[in-house]
Amino acid sequence: MMRDPAIVAVLNEEPEPQLAAQRLIDEANKAGGVDNITVVIVDLVQGDDSETAQTENTSRRRWFRRQA
């Protein structure tokens, strides 16, 4: 299991969501993860312009990766 500071460090160092998720999975495995490891990365966009938010949502890849 990874502690919050280690998770935050990976997220701050890696701007690409897919690469950050893979690094988190790798680090969790290195830390002795013996159960299913799940990573969910959510990019929150603040603003009132629904057209902008919709464009950003459709242009970004959202994904969920689960690895045993």
Protein backbone atom coordinates (compact mmCIF):
# COMPACT_ATOMS: atom_id res chain seq x y z
CA MET A 1 0.00 0.00 0.00
CA MET A 2 1.26 3.46 -0.82
CA ARG A 3 1.00 6.36 1.59
CA ASP A 4 -0.61 9.61 0.48
CA PRO A 5 2.66 11.59 0.24
CA ALA A 6 4.13 9.01 -2.16
CA ILE A 7 0.99 9.11 -4.32
CA VAL A 8 1.04 12.91 -4.40
CA ALA A 9 4.73 12.87 -5.38
CA VAL A 10 4.04 10.61 -8.38
CA LEU A 11 1.08 12.73 -9.49
CA ASN A 12 3.15 15.92 -9.20
CA GLU A 13 6.06 14.43 -11.15
CA GLU A 14 4.06 12.85 -13.99
CA PRO A 15 1.65 15.11 -15.94
CA GLU A 16 0.36 12.36 -18.27
CA PRO A 17 -2.53 10.46 -16.64
CA GLN A 18 -1.71 7.09 -18.23
CA LEU A 19 1.94 7.26 -17.25
CA ALA A 20 1.07 8.42 -13.74
CA ALA A 21 -1.36 5.52 -13.32
CA GLN A 22 1.21 3.01 -14.53
CA ARG A 23 3.83 4.44 -12.15
CA LEU A 24 1.36 4.21 -9.27
CA ILE A 25 0.66 0.56 -10.14
CA ASP A 26 4.38 -0.18 -10.39
CA GLU A 27 5.10 1.54 -7.07
CA ALA A 28 2.23 -0.25 -5.33
CA ASN A 29 3.57 -3.59 -6.58
CA LYS A 30 7.08 -2.67 -5.36
CA ALA A 31 5.60 -1.77 -1.97
CA GLY A 32 4.33 -5.34 -1.64
CA GLY A 33 0.85 -5.07 -3.10
CA VAL A 34 -0.54 -8.59 -2.86
CA ASP A 35 -4.14 -7.89 -3.78
CA ASN A 36 -5.82 -6.18 -6.72
CA ILE A 37 -4.36 -2.76 -7.41
CA THR A 38 -6.71 -0.15 -8.82
CA VAL A 39 -5.83 3.35 -9.98
CA VAL A 40 -8.38 5.98 -10.99
CA ILE A 41 -7.18 9.40 -12.10
CA VAL A 42 -9.77 12.14 -12.49
CA ASP A 43 -9.02 15.51 -14.05
CA LEU A 44 -11.37 18.10 -12.56
CA VAL A 45 -12.07 21.16 -14.66
CA GLN A 46 -13.42 24.25 -12.94
CA GLY A 47 -15.56 26.72 -14.80
CA ASP A 48 -19.05 27.75 -15.85
CA ASP A 49 -18.60 27.47 -19.61
CA SER A 50 -20.31 24.15 -20.35
CA GLU A 51 -19.21 24.24 -24.00
CA THR A 52 -15.56 24.45 -22.98
CA ALA A 53 -15.98 21.71 -20.41
CA GLN A 54 -17.71 19.47 -22.95
CA THR A 55 -14.91 20.01 -25.49
CA GLU A 56 -12.26 19.23 -22.90
CA ASN A 57 -14.11 16.13 -21.74
CA THR A 58 -14.41 14.71 -25.24
CA SER A 59 -10.79 15.45 -26.11
CA ARG A 60 -9.28 13.73 -23.08
CA ARG A 61 -8.96 10.02 -22.67
CA ARG A 62 -10.50 8.79 -19.48
CA TRP A 63 -9.63 5.38 -18.36
CA PHE A 64 -9.71 3.00 -15.52
CA ARG A 65 -7.09 0.33 -15.14
CA ARG A 66 -7.30 -2.61 -12.88
CA GLN A 67 -4.43 -5.01 -12.49
CA ALA A 68 -4.29 -8.13 -10.37
